[in-house]
Amino acid sequence: MPKYTVVVLEGDQTGQELLLEALRVLQPSLIRLDLDFVPFDLSLQNRRATQNGVVFEAAAALNQFG
């Protein structure tokens, strides 16, 4: 079975409750797909702490995994 990667973009104003529910229904045991979740914290605090480095890392992951 192929493995799929899901890039998860978390941060300020992302609708955390909706994101958590989406991740819950995407659990591999429920949908029988081999998924790997790669999370990125795009909150203002983390963007400042990384001098926006996390934004570039997330963009690279999106380019890599689609």
Protein backbone atom coordinates (compact mmCIF):
# COMPACT_ATOMS: atom_id res chain seq x y z
CA MET A 1 0.00 0.00 0.00
CA PRO A 2 1.44 3.44 -0.88
CA LYS A 3 2.15 5.92 1.89
CA TYR A 4 0.76 9.43 1.65
CA THR A 5 2.02 12.55 3.40
CA VAL A 6 -0.37 15.21 4.68
CA VAL A 7 1.09 18.62 5.51
CA VAL A 8 -0.81 20.10 8.47
CA LEU A 9 -0.71 23.89 8.75
CA GLU A 10 -1.64 25.02 12.24
CA GLY A 11 -1.62 28.56 13.51
CA ASP A 12 -3.56 31.59 14.55
CA GLN A 13 -7.09 31.78 13.15
CA THR A 14 -6.95 28.38 11.43
CA GLY A 15 -10.12 26.99 13.00
CA GLN A 16 -8.42 24.66 15.47
CA GLU A 17 -11.60 22.71 16.26
CA LEU A 18 -12.25 22.02 12.58
CA LEU A 19 -8.62 21.03 12.03
CA LEU A 20 -8.70 18.58 14.94
CA GLU A 21 -11.89 16.97 13.62
CA ALA A 22 -10.43 16.71 10.12
CA LEU A 23 -7.35 14.99 11.51
CA ARG A 24 -9.54 12.69 13.58
CA VAL A 25 -11.46 11.43 10.55
CA LEU A 26 -8.21 10.99 8.61
CA GLN A 27 -6.80 8.52 11.12
CA PRO A 28 -5.27 5.63 9.17
CA SER A 29 -7.20 3.08 11.23
CA LEU A 30 -10.49 4.65 10.04
CA ILE A 31 -9.77 5.17 6.36
CA ARG A 32 -7.31 2.31 5.86
CA LEU A 33 -4.68 4.44 4.17
CA ASP A 34 -1.07 4.78 5.24
CA LEU A 35 -0.82 8.47 6.11
CA ASP A 36 2.06 10.43 7.55
CA PHE A 37 1.19 13.81 9.08
CA VAL A 38 3.81 16.58 8.98
CA PRO A 39 2.72 19.46 11.23
CA PHE A 40 3.85 23.08 10.97
CA ASP A 41 3.11 25.69 13.63
CA LEU A 42 2.43 28.88 11.69
CA SER A 43 1.32 30.89 14.71
CA LEU A 44 2.57 34.45 14.93
CA GLN A 45 4.66 33.53 17.95
CA ASN A 46 6.45 30.72 16.09
CA ARG A 47 6.88 32.77 12.92
CA ARG A 48 8.56 35.46 15.00
CA ALA A 49 10.68 32.91 16.88
CA THR A 50 11.92 31.36 13.63
CA GLN A 51 12.14 34.68 11.77
CA ASN A 52 9.60 33.23 9.32
CA GLY A 53 11.78 30.18 8.73
CA VAL A 54 8.81 27.94 9.50
CA VAL A 55 6.90 29.53 6.61
CA PHE A 56 9.64 28.56 4.17
CA GLU A 57 9.83 25.05 5.64
CA ALA A 58 6.07 24.63 5.28
CA ALA A 59 6.17 25.93 1.70
CA ALA A 60 8.95 23.47 0.85
CA ALA A 61 6.92 20.61 2.34
CA LEU A 62 3.86 21.65 0.33
CA ASN A 63 5.96 21.69 -2.84
CA GLN A 64 7.46 18.32 -2.00
CA PHE A 65 4.28 16.51 -1.04
CA GLY A 66 1.71 18.39 -3.10
